[in-house]
Amino acid sequence: MKRLFISVLFGALFAMGLFSATVDTVRVFSPSMKKEIKVVVIKPQPYHQETTYPVLYLLHGYSGRYDGWIKGTPHIAELADRYSMMIVCPDGGYGSWYWDSPEDPSFRYETFVAHELIAYIDSHYQTIASRQGRAITGLSMGGHGGLYLAFRHQEVFGAGGSICGGVDIRPFPDDWDMAKRLGDQRDYPERWEDYSVMGQLHLLRPGALKIIFDCGTEDFFYEVNRRLHSELLYRKIPHDFISRPGAHNGQYWSNAVKYQALFFHDYFESGKSN
């Protein structure tokens, strides 16, 4: 396993004692895509070999990459320390939407995140290797990925979330490379429903999955998030929906991730008493 410690970017912060979590970059081989994928792994301090830790999988947005969260929101390392959790940020490709694309077999990011990456992290780190110790969320495209993967893989993740996520892709047929992964919406309307978070609600049972999502009122994804909230209420699916003034930008995401980390910490703690 090759690890590249991100010393240049964060060395000064560690020296100043602003946070002590260990931030590594690893290369994880994906058998389904036949390539190595970079992944940031944040370990809390202290990190003991005799202790197991819950893991929050944190996904980047469209045009982002594996180190987007730790560069843009370095306080996520503090959250790892505060809540004694690992945070794992995989590279999701450019415009993958975390699907196994029916159009492009080189994009199998659902398989990678929900199976291959989980297996790697559980085999190389001291993790709670069950759904009680795993949560997933992300921003924008990664917010879609967080809920899409959590809904479809409830045996893997016990909690799922989204920050300013594209939770219904159907109103955006010409945007963000989605047609490259699904085909044109006019030709494959059923795909555009099936590959959307809104198209996965039939998989939910009340209380089976802890759910949180968050979107600013000035965000172009606000209306689809509000509709998801209404649909979950109609189906009597418990969830937390947070809305506050804000747009689709780093300032909003940086604030929202603090609330979501606390939500997932509470979920992890509740599992200890079960």
Protein backbone atom coordinates (compact mmCIF):
# COMPACT_ATOMS: atom_id res chain seq x y z
CA MET A 1 0.00 0.00 0.00
CA LYS A 2 1.46 3.30 -1.06
CA ARG A 3 0.78 6.28 1.19
CA LEU A 4 1.57 9.87 0.47
CA PHE A 5 1.42 12.03 3.56
CA ILE A 6 0.10 15.48 2.72
CA SER A 7 2.83 17.31 4.60
CA VAL A 8 3.31 20.34 2.38
CA LEU A 9 -0.28 21.54 2.64
CA PHE A 10 -1.04 20.71 6.25
CA GLY A 11 2.33 20.66 8.00
CA ALA A 12 1.95 24.18 9.33
CA LEU A 13 -1.50 23.41 10.73
CA PHE A 14 -0.23 20.35 12.55
CA ALA A 15 2.76 22.26 13.90
CA MET A 16 0.44 24.94 15.25
CA GLY A 17 -1.63 22.26 16.98
CA LEU A 18 -4.85 23.26 15.22
CA PHE A 19 -5.63 19.60 14.73
CA SER A 20 -3.76 16.38 15.18
CA ALA A 21 -5.59 13.93 12.93
CA THR A 22 -3.44 12.02 10.46
CA VAL A 23 -4.23 12.86 6.83
CA ASP A 24 -2.99 10.30 4.30
CA THR A 25 -3.54 9.70 0.62
CA VAL A 26 -3.74 6.08 -0.47
CA ARG A 27 -4.14 4.44 -3.86
CA VAL A 28 -6.93 1.87 -3.96
CA PHE A 29 -7.09 -0.52 -6.90
CA SER A 30 -10.55 -0.94 -8.40
CA PRO A 31 -10.97 -4.39 -10.00
CA SER A 32 -14.18 -3.27 -11.73
CA MET A 33 -12.48 -0.28 -13.40
CA LYS A 34 -8.99 -1.80 -13.58
CA LYS A 35 -7.23 1.27 -12.24
CA GLU A 36 -5.92 2.82 -9.04
CA ILE A 37 -8.02 5.53 -7.42
CA LYS A 38 -6.70 8.07 -4.95
CA VAL A 39 -8.44 8.33 -1.59
CA VAL A 40 -7.85 10.69 1.35
CA VAL A 41 -8.03 8.88 4.69
CA ILE A 42 -8.27 10.91 7.89
CA LYS A 43 -7.54 9.05 11.12
CA PRO A 44 -8.43 10.63 14.46
CA GLN A 45 -5.87 11.06 17.21
CA PRO A 46 -5.34 9.13 19.27
CA TYR A 47 -5.63 6.20 16.87
CA HIS A 48 -5.09 2.92 18.71
CA GLN A 49 -4.59 -0.47 17.10
CA GLU A 50 -6.72 -2.10 19.79
CA THR A 51 -9.69 0.23 19.10
CA THR A 52 -12.13 0.17 16.19
CA TYR A 53 -13.52 3.38 14.69
CA PRO A 54 -16.63 4.33 12.75
CA VAL A 55 -16.12 5.69 9.24
CA LEU A 56 -17.77 8.60 7.48
CA TYR A 57 -17.42 8.38 3.70
CA LEU A 58 -17.42 11.93 2.34
CA LEU A 59 -17.93 12.44 -1.42
CA HIS A 60 -16.86 15.40 -3.56
CA GLY A 61 -18.91 17.24 -6.14
CA TYR A 62 -18.83 17.53 -9.94
CA SER A 63 -15.34 18.46 -11.23
CA GLY A 64 -13.95 17.85 -7.73
CA ARG A 65 -11.43 15.25 -6.65
CA TYR A 66 -10.29 13.15 -3.70
CA ASP A 67 -8.56 16.03 -1.86
CA GLY A 68 -11.29 18.61 -2.44
CA TRP A 69 -12.78 18.32 1.03
CA ILE A 70 -9.54 18.45 2.99
CA LYS A 71 -8.21 21.38 0.94
CA GLY A 72 -11.44 23.37 0.88
CA THR A 73 -12.67 22.45 4.36
CA PRO A 74 -9.63 21.52 6.45
CA HIS A 75 -11.65 21.56 9.66
CA ILE A 76 -13.03 18.13 8.73
CA ALA A 77 -9.82 16.82 10.32
CA GLU A 78 -10.88 18.49 13.56
CA LEU A 79 -14.26 16.76 13.25
CA ALA A 80 -12.48 13.41 12.97
CA ASP A 81 -10.69 14.15 16.24
CA ARG A 82 -13.72 15.57 18.01
CA TYR A 83 -15.96 12.61 17.23
CA SER A 84 -13.28 9.90 17.14
CA MET A 85 -14.25 8.82 13.65
CA MET A 86 -12.36 8.16 10.45
CA ILE A 87 -13.27 10.24 7.40
CA VAL A 88 -12.64 8.77 3.95
CA CYS A 89 -12.80 10.89 0.79
CA PRO A 90 -12.53 8.91 -2.46
CA ASP A 91 -11.99 10.28 -5.93
CA GLY A 92 -15.32 9.95 -7.71
CA GLY A 93 -14.15 10.75 -11.22
CA TYR A 94 -15.18 13.71 -13.34
CA GLY A 95 -18.96 13.64 -13.54
CA SER A 96 -19.49 10.06 -12.41
CA TRP A 97 -22.47 10.85 -10.17
CA TYR A 98 -21.35 7.71 -8.32
CA TRP A 99 -23.21 5.45 -10.73
CA ASP A 100 -22.30 2.26 -12.48
CA SER A 101 -22.89 3.88 -15.85
CA PRO A 102 -25.09 1.93 -18.29
CA GLU A 103 -23.46 3.90 -21.12
CA ASP A 104 -19.79 3.91 -20.18
CA PRO A 105 -18.39 0.70 -18.63
CA SER A 106 -15.30 2.58 -17.46
CA PHE A 107 -17.45 4.39 -14.88
CA ARG A 108 -18.34 1.95 -12.10
CA TYR A 109 -18.18 4.22 -9.10
CA GLU A 110 -21.16 2.68 -7.32
CA THR A 111 -19.31 -0.64 -7.23
CA PHE A 112 -16.09 1.08 -6.24
CA VAL A 113 -17.46 3.10 -3.31
CA ALA A 114 -20.06 0.66 -1.98
CA HIS A 115 -17.95 -2.51 -2.28
CA GLU A 116 -14.30 -2.19 -3.32
CA LEU A 117 -13.43 0.84 -1.22
CA ILE A 118 -15.29 -0.48 1.82
CA ALA A 119 -13.37 -3.76 1.61
CA TYR A 120 -10.06 -1.92 1.33
CA ILE A 121 -10.68 0.41 4.26
CA ASP A 122 -11.96 -2.38 6.49
CA SER A 123 -8.94 -4.56 5.70
CA HIS A 124 -6.30 -1.84 6.17
CA TYR A 125 -7.66 0.15 9.11
CA GLN A 126 -9.20 -0.40 12.54
CA THR A 127 -12.83 0.09 11.55
CA ILE A 128 -16.22 -0.95 12.86
CA ALA A 129 -16.84 -3.23 9.89
CA SER A 130 -20.64 -3.14 9.86
CA ARG A 131 -23.43 -0.79 8.84
CA GLN A 132 -23.58 0.43 12.45
CA GLY A 133 -20.13 1.92 11.91
CA ARG A 134 -20.57 3.40 8.43
CA ALA A 135 -22.20 6.57 7.11
CA ILE A 136 -21.97 8.33 3.75
CA THR A 137 -22.65 11.87 2.57
CA GLY A 138 -21.24 14.46 0.19
CA LEU A 139 -21.76 17.76 -1.56
CA SER A 140 -23.65 18.48 -4.80
CA MET A 141 -22.94 15.48 -7.09
CA GLY A 142 -21.58 13.81 -3.96
CA GLY A 143 -24.80 14.65 -2.14
CA HIS A 144 -26.66 12.71 -4.79
CA GLY A 145 -24.10 9.93 -4.32
CA GLY A 146 -24.46 9.92 -0.56
CA LEU A 147 -28.19 9.27 -0.57
CA TYR A 148 -28.23 7.18 -3.75
CA LEU A 149 -25.65 4.76 -2.38
CA ALA A 150 -27.10 4.73 1.13
CA PHE A 151 -30.60 3.94 -0.17
CA ARG A 152 -29.34 1.19 -2.47
CA HIS A 153 -26.85 -0.38 -0.05
CA GLN A 154 -28.53 -0.35 3.35
CA GLU A 155 -26.67 -3.53 4.26
CA VAL A 156 -23.44 -1.49 3.97
CA PHE A 157 -24.39 1.94 5.33
CA GLY A 158 -26.56 2.61 8.36
CA ALA A 159 -26.82 6.34 7.71
CA GLY A 160 -26.78 8.56 4.64
CA GLY A 161 -26.80 12.25 3.88
CA SER A 162 -26.53 14.99 1.31
CA ILE A 163 -25.31 18.59 1.29
CA CYS A 164 -26.82 20.70 -1.50
CA GLY A 165 -27.27 17.49 -3.46
CA GLY A 166 -28.76 16.92 -6.89
CA VAL A 167 -31.31 14.56 -5.40
CA ASP A 168 -33.55 14.64 -8.48
CA ILE A 169 -31.59 14.74 -11.72
CA ARG A 170 -34.58 14.84 -14.10
CA PRO A 171 -34.92 18.66 -14.23
CA PHE A 172 -31.30 18.94 -15.45
CA PRO A 173 -31.05 16.80 -18.62
CA ASP A 174 -28.28 18.83 -20.26
CA ASP A 175 -26.03 19.47 -17.29
CA TRP A 176 -22.92 18.07 -15.59
CA ASP A 177 -22.15 15.21 -18.01
CA MET A 178 -25.12 13.16 -16.84
CA ALA A 179 -26.20 12.35 -20.40
CA LYS A 180 -22.74 10.88 -21.03
CA ARG A 181 -23.32 8.40 -18.19
CA LEU A 182 -27.04 7.65 -18.73
CA GLY A 183 -27.76 8.45 -22.36
CA ASP A 184 -30.04 11.22 -23.54
CA GLN A 185 -33.08 11.68 -21.32
CA ARG A 186 -35.40 11.72 -24.35
CA ASP A 187 -34.15 8.26 -25.32
CA TYR A 188 -33.92 6.76 -21.82
CA PRO A 189 -36.45 8.49 -19.55
CA GLU A 190 -36.69 5.40 -17.34
CA ARG A 191 -32.97 5.55 -16.61
CA TRP A 192 -33.21 9.15 -15.52
CA GLU A 193 -35.81 8.13 -12.99
CA ASP A 194 -34.14 4.90 -11.85
CA TYR A 195 -30.71 6.52 -11.41
CA SER A 196 -32.04 9.40 -9.33
CA VAL A 197 -32.32 9.54 -5.54
CA MET A 198 -36.04 10.22 -6.03
CA GLY A 199 -36.30 6.97 -7.95
CA GLN A 200 -34.95 4.94 -5.02
CA LEU A 201 -37.53 5.87 -2.38
CA HIS A 202 -39.35 2.56 -2.75
CA LEU A 203 -36.34 0.93 -1.06
CA LEU A 204 -36.91 2.76 2.21
CA ARG A 205 -38.69 1.50 5.30
CA PRO A 206 -39.48 3.79 8.22
CA GLY A 207 -36.57 3.89 10.65
CA ALA A 208 -34.33 1.45 8.76
CA LEU A 209 -31.83 4.13 7.67
CA LYS A 210 -30.78 7.36 9.38
CA ILE A 211 -31.15 10.19 6.86
CA ILE A 212 -30.06 13.82 6.84
CA PHE A 213 -29.94 16.34 4.01
CA ASP A 214 -29.29 20.02 3.85
CA CYS A 215 -29.72 22.74 1.20
CA GLY A 216 -29.61 26.52 1.09
CA THR A 217 -32.63 28.49 -0.03
CA GLU A 218 -30.69 30.20 -2.83
CA ASP A 219 -29.23 26.95 -4.18
CA PHE A 220 -30.33 25.79 -7.65
CA PHE A 221 -30.95 22.37 -6.06
CA TYR A 222 -33.18 23.79 -3.32
CA GLU A 223 -36.50 22.89 -4.97
CA VAL A 224 -35.57 19.26 -5.60
CA ASN A 225 -34.42 18.95 -1.99
CA ARG A 226 -37.66 20.48 -0.76
CA ARG A 227 -39.62 17.99 -2.89
CA LEU A 228 -37.59 15.10 -1.47
CA HIS A 229 -38.44 16.31 2.03
CA SER A 230 -42.15 16.42 1.13
CA GLU A 231 -42.07 12.97 -0.41
CA LEU A 232 -40.35 11.45 2.62
CA LEU A 233 -42.95 13.07 4.88
CA TYR A 234 -45.71 11.59 2.72
CA ARG A 235 -44.09 8.14 2.98
CA LYS A 236 -43.58 8.58 6.75
CA ILE A 237 -39.83 8.08 6.46
CA PRO A 238 -38.06 9.74 9.43
CA HIS A 239 -35.33 12.14 8.37
CA ASP A 240 -33.65 15.44 9.20
CA PHE A 241 -33.99 18.21 6.59
CA ILE A 242 -32.11 21.44 7.23
CA SER A 243 -32.65 24.57 5.18
CA ARG A 244 -31.13 27.97 5.80
CA PRO A 245 -30.16 30.99 3.69
CA GLY A 246 -27.25 30.10 1.48
CA ALA A 247 -26.11 29.25 -2.03
CA HIS A 248 -24.25 26.45 -3.80
CA ASN A 249 -20.78 27.29 -2.53
CA GLY A 250 -17.98 26.30 -0.21
CA GLN A 251 -19.11 28.58 2.58
CA TYR A 252 -22.40 26.70 2.85
CA TRP A 253 -20.82 23.23 2.52
CA SER A 254 -18.16 24.03 5.13
CA ASN A 255 -20.83 24.95 7.65
CA ALA A 256 -23.25 22.14 6.80
CA VAL A 257 -20.69 19.36 7.23
CA LYS A 258 -20.36 20.28 10.93
CA TYR A 259 -24.03 19.52 11.55
CA GLN A 260 -23.88 16.33 9.54
CA ALA A 261 -20.78 15.09 11.37
CA LEU A 262 -22.63 15.55 14.67
CA PHE A 263 -25.68 13.73 13.27
CA PHE A 264 -23.55 10.77 12.21
CA HIS A 265 -21.65 10.78 15.50
CA ASP A 266 -24.97 10.47 17.33
CA TYR A 267 -25.87 7.56 15.07
CA PHE A 268 -22.56 5.82 15.75
CA GLU A 269 -22.97 6.35 19.49
CA SER A 270 -26.51 4.93 19.44
CA GLY A 271 -25.16 1.73 17.94
CA LYS A 272 -22.89 1.15 20.92
CA SER A 273 -25.87 0.65 23.21
CA ASN A 274 -27.69 -1.77 20.89
